């Protein structure tokens, strides 16, 4: 797997969003890596791109809500396995590895729920 992947980011206040390369982060203790297949947009992304809300530096990858397929699990993960379909809300503004607008996100397993099909 590559060390980077595409991500959508705000690169400056009130500027068009850009496609950047983000680091692909391996999961640590209690974390999972998800290949994002769906991401929701909310007014927060507008306020981040247009007003700089909760942005401490640029570029900043956007998005909090994502769904996809687990591609890797870290040590100690109990609830999920590779191949599981999951959805989650990621809100840790101290890191970008869990932002939804990118190909892969890595975040703690407790932020996700499993998608079951009937």
N, C-alpha and C. Protein backbone atom coordinates (compact mmCIF):
# COMPACT_ATOMS: atom_id res chain seq x y z
N UNK A 1 0.85 -1.18 0.00
CA UNK A 1 0.00 0.00 0.00
C UNK A 1 0.88 1.24 0.00
N UNK A 2 0.43 2.25 -0.71
CA UNK A 2 1.19 3.50 -0.82
C UNK A 2 1.25 4.21 0.52
N UNK A 3 2.24 5.06 0.67
CA UNK A 3 2.39 5.85 1.90
C UNK A 3 1.51 7.09 1.92
N UNK A 4 0.90 7.42 0.77
CA UNK A 4 -0.01 8.58 0.69
C UNK A 4 -1.24 8.20 -0.11
N UNK A 5 -2.25 9.04 0.00
CA UNK A 5 -3.49 8.87 -0.74
C UNK A 5 -4.13 10.24 -0.96
N UNK A 6 -5.08 10.36 -1.91
CA UNK A 6 -5.73 11.65 -2.17
C UNK A 6 -6.67 12.07 -1.04
N UNK A 7 -6.73 13.38 -0.82
CA UNK A 7 -7.62 13.97 0.18
C UNK A 7 -8.07 15.34 -0.32
N UNK A 8 -9.26 15.76 0.11
CA UNK A 8 -9.78 17.08 -0.23
C UNK A 8 -9.54 17.99 0.97
N UNK A 9 -8.90 19.14 0.69
CA UNK A 9 -8.51 20.04 1.77
C UNK A 9 -8.80 21.49 1.43
N UNK A 10 -8.99 22.27 2.48
CA UNK A 10 -8.98 23.72 2.33
C UNK A 10 -7.53 24.15 2.52
N UNK A 11 -7.03 24.94 1.57
CA UNK A 11 -5.60 25.30 1.59
C UNK A 11 -5.35 26.73 2.04
N UNK A 12 -6.40 27.54 2.06
CA UNK A 12 -6.31 28.92 2.53
C UNK A 12 -7.73 29.44 2.71
N UNK A 13 -7.87 30.46 3.52
CA UNK A 13 -9.18 31.04 3.80
C UNK A 13 -9.85 31.52 2.51
N UNK A 14 -11.09 31.08 2.28
CA UNK A 14 -11.92 31.49 1.14
C UNK A 14 -11.32 31.18 -0.22
N UNK A 15 -10.54 30.11 -0.29
CA UNK A 15 -9.96 29.66 -1.55
C UNK A 15 -10.62 28.35 -1.97
N UNK A 16 -10.57 28.02 -3.25
CA UNK A 16 -11.14 26.75 -3.69
C UNK A 16 -10.48 25.56 -2.98
N UNK A 17 -11.27 24.51 -2.75
CA UNK A 17 -10.72 23.29 -2.17
C UNK A 17 -9.75 22.66 -3.16
N UNK A 18 -8.78 21.93 -2.66
CA UNK A 18 -7.76 21.30 -3.51
C UNK A 18 -7.64 19.83 -3.17
N UNK A 19 -7.22 19.07 -4.15
CA UNK A 19 -6.89 17.66 -3.95
C UNK A 19 -5.41 17.60 -3.58
N UNK A 20 -5.13 17.07 -2.40
CA UNK A 20 -3.74 16.96 -1.92
C UNK A 20 -3.42 15.49 -1.65
N UNK A 21 -2.18 15.20 -1.38
CA UNK A 21 -1.76 13.86 -0.95
C UNK A 21 -1.60 13.88 0.57
N UNK A 22 -2.27 12.94 1.24
CA UNK A 22 -2.20 12.83 2.70
C UNK A 22 -1.48 11.55 3.08
N UNK A 23 -0.83 11.53 4.24
CA UNK A 23 -0.17 10.30 4.68
C UNK A 23 -1.18 9.20 4.98
N UNK A 24 -0.87 7.98 4.56
CA UNK A 24 -1.68 6.82 4.91
C UNK A 24 -1.14 6.28 6.22
N UNK A 25 -1.94 6.39 7.28
CA UNK A 25 -1.49 6.08 8.63
C UNK A 25 -1.91 4.67 9.03
N UNK A 26 -0.96 3.86 9.45
CA UNK A 26 -1.26 2.52 9.95
C UNK A 26 -1.95 2.62 11.31
N UNK A 27 -2.92 1.77 11.57
CA UNK A 27 -3.62 1.83 12.85
C UNK A 27 -2.73 1.40 14.02
N UNK A 28 -2.89 2.11 15.13
CA UNK A 28 -2.20 1.77 16.37
C UNK A 28 -3.18 1.00 17.27
N UNK A 29 -2.80 0.85 18.52
CA UNK A 29 -3.63 0.14 19.49
C UNK A 29 -5.06 0.67 19.49
N UNK A 30 -6.03 -0.22 19.24
CA UNK A 30 -7.44 0.15 19.30
C UNK A 30 -7.96 0.94 18.12
N UNK A 31 -7.17 1.06 17.05
CA UNK A 31 -7.59 1.84 15.89
C UNK A 31 -7.87 0.93 14.69
N UNK A 32 -8.66 1.47 13.75
CA UNK A 32 -8.92 0.79 12.49
C UNK A 32 -8.64 1.74 11.34
N UNK A 33 -8.28 1.17 10.20
CA UNK A 33 -8.14 1.97 8.98
C UNK A 33 -9.29 1.60 8.06
N UNK A 34 -9.98 2.62 7.55
CA UNK A 34 -11.17 2.44 6.73
C UNK A 34 -10.95 3.06 5.36
N UNK A 35 -11.31 2.33 4.32
CA UNK A 35 -11.35 2.89 2.97
C UNK A 35 -12.69 3.58 2.84
N UNK A 36 -12.67 4.90 2.71
CA UNK A 36 -13.90 5.69 2.69
C UNK A 36 -14.63 5.48 1.37
N UNK A 37 -15.92 5.16 1.48
CA UNK A 37 -16.78 4.99 0.30
C UNK A 37 -17.90 6.02 0.26
N UNK A 38 -18.11 6.69 1.37
CA UNK A 38 -19.16 7.70 1.47
C UNK A 38 -18.77 8.70 2.55
N UNK A 39 -18.95 9.97 2.27
CA UNK A 39 -18.71 11.03 3.26
C UNK A 39 -19.82 12.06 3.15
N UNK A 40 -20.32 12.50 4.29
CA UNK A 40 -21.40 13.48 4.32
C UNK A 40 -20.83 14.88 4.45
N UNK A 41 -21.51 15.82 3.83
CA UNK A 41 -21.15 17.22 3.96
C UNK A 41 -22.09 17.88 4.96
N UNK A 42 -21.56 18.82 5.70
CA UNK A 42 -22.38 19.55 6.66
C UNK A 42 -22.00 21.03 6.61
N UNK A 43 -22.77 21.89 7.26
CA UNK A 43 -22.40 23.31 7.28
C UNK A 43 -21.03 23.57 7.89
N UNK A 44 -20.54 22.65 8.70
CA UNK A 44 -19.22 22.86 9.31
C UNK A 44 -18.14 23.02 8.25
N UNK A 45 -18.19 22.24 7.17
CA UNK A 45 -17.18 22.36 6.13
C UNK A 45 -17.20 23.75 5.49
N UNK A 46 -18.38 24.31 5.29
CA UNK A 46 -18.50 25.67 4.75
C UNK A 46 -17.83 26.66 5.71
N UNK A 47 -18.12 26.53 7.00
CA UNK A 47 -17.55 27.46 7.98
C UNK A 47 -16.03 27.28 8.11
N UNK A 48 -15.54 26.08 7.88
CA UNK A 48 -14.10 25.86 7.92
C UNK A 48 -13.43 26.47 6.69
N UNK A 49 -13.98 26.21 5.51
CA UNK A 49 -13.37 26.71 4.27
C UNK A 49 -13.53 28.22 4.12
N UNK A 50 -14.69 28.74 4.48
CA UNK A 50 -14.97 30.15 4.25
C UNK A 50 -14.59 31.05 5.43
N UNK A 51 -14.65 30.49 6.65
CA UNK A 51 -14.38 31.32 7.82
C UNK A 51 -13.22 30.88 8.68
N UNK A 52 -12.62 29.72 8.36
CA UNK A 52 -11.48 29.25 9.14
C UNK A 52 -11.83 28.63 10.48
N UNK A 53 -13.12 28.28 10.70
CA UNK A 53 -13.55 27.72 11.98
C UNK A 53 -12.80 26.43 12.31
N UNK A 54 -12.22 26.35 13.49
CA UNK A 54 -11.51 25.18 14.01
C UNK A 54 -10.30 24.78 13.16
N UNK A 55 -9.75 25.70 12.38
CA UNK A 55 -8.57 25.41 11.58
C UNK A 55 -7.38 26.13 12.18
N UNK A 56 -6.35 25.36 12.52
CA UNK A 56 -5.15 25.96 13.12
C UNK A 56 -4.02 26.11 12.10
N UNK A 57 -4.08 25.35 11.00
CA UNK A 57 -3.05 25.48 9.96
C UNK A 57 -3.60 24.92 8.65
N UNK A 58 -2.95 25.30 7.57
CA UNK A 58 -3.34 24.85 6.23
C UNK A 58 -2.24 24.00 5.63
N UNK A 59 -2.53 23.05 4.78
CA UNK A 59 -3.86 22.61 4.37
C UNK A 59 -4.54 21.80 5.48
N UNK A 60 -5.88 21.83 5.50
CA UNK A 60 -6.67 21.06 6.45
C UNK A 60 -7.66 20.20 5.69
N UNK A 61 -7.59 18.90 5.93
CA UNK A 61 -8.54 17.97 5.33
C UNK A 61 -9.88 18.14 6.01
N UNK A 62 -10.95 18.12 5.23
CA UNK A 62 -12.29 18.35 5.76
C UNK A 62 -13.05 17.04 5.97
N UNK A 63 -14.19 17.14 6.67
CA UNK A 63 -15.13 16.04 6.82
C UNK A 63 -15.05 15.33 8.16
N UNK A 64 -16.23 15.01 8.68
CA UNK A 64 -16.34 14.30 9.96
C UNK A 64 -17.07 12.97 9.83
N UNK A 65 -18.04 12.87 8.92
CA UNK A 65 -18.90 11.69 8.81
C UNK A 65 -18.48 10.83 7.62
N UNK A 66 -18.21 9.56 7.88
CA UNK A 66 -17.75 8.68 6.79
C UNK A 66 -18.28 7.27 6.99
N UNK A 67 -18.37 6.57 5.88
CA UNK A 67 -18.70 5.14 5.89
C UNK A 67 -17.81 4.46 4.87
N UNK A 68 -17.47 3.21 5.15
CA UNK A 68 -16.61 2.48 4.23
C UNK A 68 -16.31 1.08 4.73
N UNK A 69 -15.21 0.53 4.23
CA UNK A 69 -14.80 -0.84 4.53
C UNK A 69 -13.47 -0.85 5.27
N UNK A 70 -13.39 -1.63 6.33
CA UNK A 70 -12.15 -1.75 7.09
C UNK A 70 -11.11 -2.50 6.25
N UNK A 71 -9.93 -1.89 6.14
CA UNK A 71 -8.83 -2.52 5.39
C UNK A 71 -7.70 -2.98 6.30
N UNK A 72 -7.69 -2.50 7.54
CA UNK A 72 -6.63 -2.90 8.49
C UNK A 72 -7.11 -2.62 9.90
N UNK A 73 -6.77 -3.50 10.83
CA UNK A 73 -7.09 -3.28 12.24
C UNK A 73 -5.80 -3.27 13.04
N UNK A 74 -5.77 -2.42 14.06
CA UNK A 74 -4.61 -2.35 14.93
C UNK A 74 -4.69 -3.37 16.05
N UNK A 75 -3.63 -3.48 16.83
CA UNK A 75 -3.63 -4.39 17.97
C UNK A 75 -4.75 -4.04 18.95
N UNK A 76 -5.36 -5.06 19.52
CA UNK A 76 -6.37 -4.85 20.54
C UNK A 76 -7.77 -4.55 20.03
N UNK A 77 -7.96 -4.46 18.73
CA UNK A 77 -9.31 -4.21 18.19
C UNK A 77 -10.15 -5.46 18.41
N UNK A 78 -11.30 -5.29 19.04
CA UNK A 78 -12.15 -6.41 19.42
C UNK A 78 -13.43 -6.53 18.59
N UNK A 79 -14.00 -5.41 18.20
CA UNK A 79 -15.34 -5.41 17.60
C UNK A 79 -15.36 -5.58 16.10
N UNK A 80 -14.24 -5.38 15.42
CA UNK A 80 -14.25 -5.34 13.96
C UNK A 80 -13.18 -6.23 13.37
N UNK A 81 -13.41 -6.57 12.09
CA UNK A 81 -12.44 -7.35 11.31
C UNK A 81 -12.27 -6.69 9.95
N UNK A 82 -11.17 -7.00 9.29
CA UNK A 82 -10.95 -6.53 7.92
C UNK A 82 -12.13 -6.99 7.07
N UNK A 83 -12.65 -6.09 6.25
CA UNK A 83 -13.80 -6.39 5.38
C UNK A 83 -15.13 -5.93 5.93
N UNK A 84 -15.20 -5.61 7.23
CA UNK A 84 -16.45 -5.11 7.81
C UNK A 84 -16.80 -3.75 7.22
N UNK A 85 -18.08 -3.53 6.99
CA UNK A 85 -18.59 -2.22 6.57
C UNK A 85 -18.93 -1.44 7.83
N UNK A 86 -18.45 -0.18 7.90
CA UNK A 86 -18.65 0.63 9.09
C UNK A 86 -19.04 2.06 8.73
N UNK A 87 -19.57 2.77 9.72
CA UNK A 87 -19.84 4.20 9.61
C UNK A 87 -19.36 4.85 10.89
N UNK A 88 -19.00 6.14 10.79
CA UNK A 88 -18.51 6.78 12.00
C UNK A 88 -18.52 8.29 11.92
N UNK A 89 -18.39 8.89 13.08
CA UNK A 89 -18.30 10.34 13.23
C UNK A 89 -16.98 10.64 13.92
N UNK A 90 -16.09 11.34 13.23
CA UNK A 90 -14.77 11.64 13.76
C UNK A 90 -14.64 13.14 13.97
N UNK A 91 -14.23 13.52 15.14
CA UNK A 91 -14.30 14.91 15.56
C UNK A 91 -13.02 15.40 16.23
N UNK A 92 -11.93 14.65 16.14
CA UNK A 92 -10.68 15.04 16.81
C UNK A 92 -9.94 16.04 15.94
N UNK A 93 -10.00 17.32 16.30
CA UNK A 93 -9.39 18.37 15.48
C UNK A 93 -7.89 18.51 15.71
N UNK A 94 -7.29 17.64 16.52
CA UNK A 94 -5.85 17.69 16.73
C UNK A 94 -5.09 16.86 15.69
N UNK A 95 -5.82 16.10 14.87
CA UNK A 95 -5.20 15.25 13.86
C UNK A 95 -6.02 15.29 12.58
N UNK A 96 -5.41 14.92 11.46
CA UNK A 96 -6.15 14.87 10.20
C UNK A 96 -6.32 13.44 9.69
N UNK A 97 -5.75 12.48 10.36
CA UNK A 97 -5.81 11.11 9.89
C UNK A 97 -7.22 10.54 9.92
N UNK A 98 -8.14 11.18 10.64
CA UNK A 98 -9.51 10.68 10.73
C UNK A 98 -10.53 11.53 9.97
N UNK A 99 -10.07 12.53 9.24
CA UNK A 99 -10.97 13.40 8.47
C UNK A 99 -11.61 12.60 7.34
N UNK A 100 -12.87 12.84 7.05
CA UNK A 100 -13.65 11.99 6.14
C UNK A 100 -13.36 12.19 4.65
N UNK A 101 -12.89 13.35 4.24
CA UNK A 101 -12.73 13.62 2.81
C UNK A 101 -11.37 13.15 2.30
N UNK A 102 -11.10 11.87 2.50
CA UNK A 102 -9.87 11.28 1.98
C UNK A 102 -10.12 9.80 1.74
N UNK A 103 -9.23 9.18 1.01
CA UNK A 103 -9.42 7.78 0.63
C UNK A 103 -9.37 6.85 1.84
N UNK A 104 -8.43 7.07 2.77
CA UNK A 104 -8.31 6.23 3.96
C UNK A 104 -8.36 7.10 5.21
N UNK A 105 -9.08 6.62 6.22
CA UNK A 105 -9.05 7.27 7.54
C UNK A 105 -8.61 6.24 8.57
N UNK A 106 -7.90 6.71 9.58
CA UNK A 106 -7.47 5.87 10.69
C UNK A 106 -7.95 6.54 11.96
N UNK A 107 -8.72 5.79 12.77
CA UNK A 107 -9.32 6.36 13.97
C UNK A 107 -9.62 5.25 14.98
N UNK A 108 -9.89 5.63 16.24
CA UNK A 108 -10.23 4.63 17.25
C UNK A 108 -11.51 3.87 16.88
N UNK A 109 -11.52 2.58 17.18
CA UNK A 109 -12.66 1.74 16.83
C UNK A 109 -13.96 2.20 17.51
N UNK A 110 -13.88 2.82 18.70
CA UNK A 110 -15.09 3.20 19.41
C UNK A 110 -15.90 4.28 18.68
N UNK A 111 -15.31 4.92 17.69
CA UNK A 111 -16.04 5.95 16.94
C UNK A 111 -16.88 5.37 15.80
N UNK A 112 -16.88 4.06 15.64
CA UNK A 112 -17.55 3.44 14.50
C UNK A 112 -18.63 2.46 14.93
N UNK A 113 -19.61 2.31 14.04
CA UNK A 113 -20.62 1.29 14.17
C UNK A 113 -20.56 0.40 12.94
N UNK A 114 -21.03 -0.83 13.11
CA UNK A 114 -21.00 -1.78 12.00
C UNK A 114 -22.28 -1.67 11.19
N UNK A 115 -22.15 -1.75 9.87
CA UNK A 115 -23.29 -1.74 8.97
C UNK A 115 -23.66 -3.20 8.70
N UNK A 116 -24.90 -3.54 9.00
CA UNK A 116 -25.40 -4.89 8.75
C UNK A 116 -26.37 -4.86 7.58
N UNK A 117 -26.32 -5.88 6.76
CA UNK A 117 -27.28 -5.99 5.66
C UNK A 117 -28.29 -7.06 5.99
N UNK A 118 -29.50 -6.85 5.53
CA UNK A 118 -30.56 -7.83 5.79
C UNK A 118 -30.64 -8.85 4.70
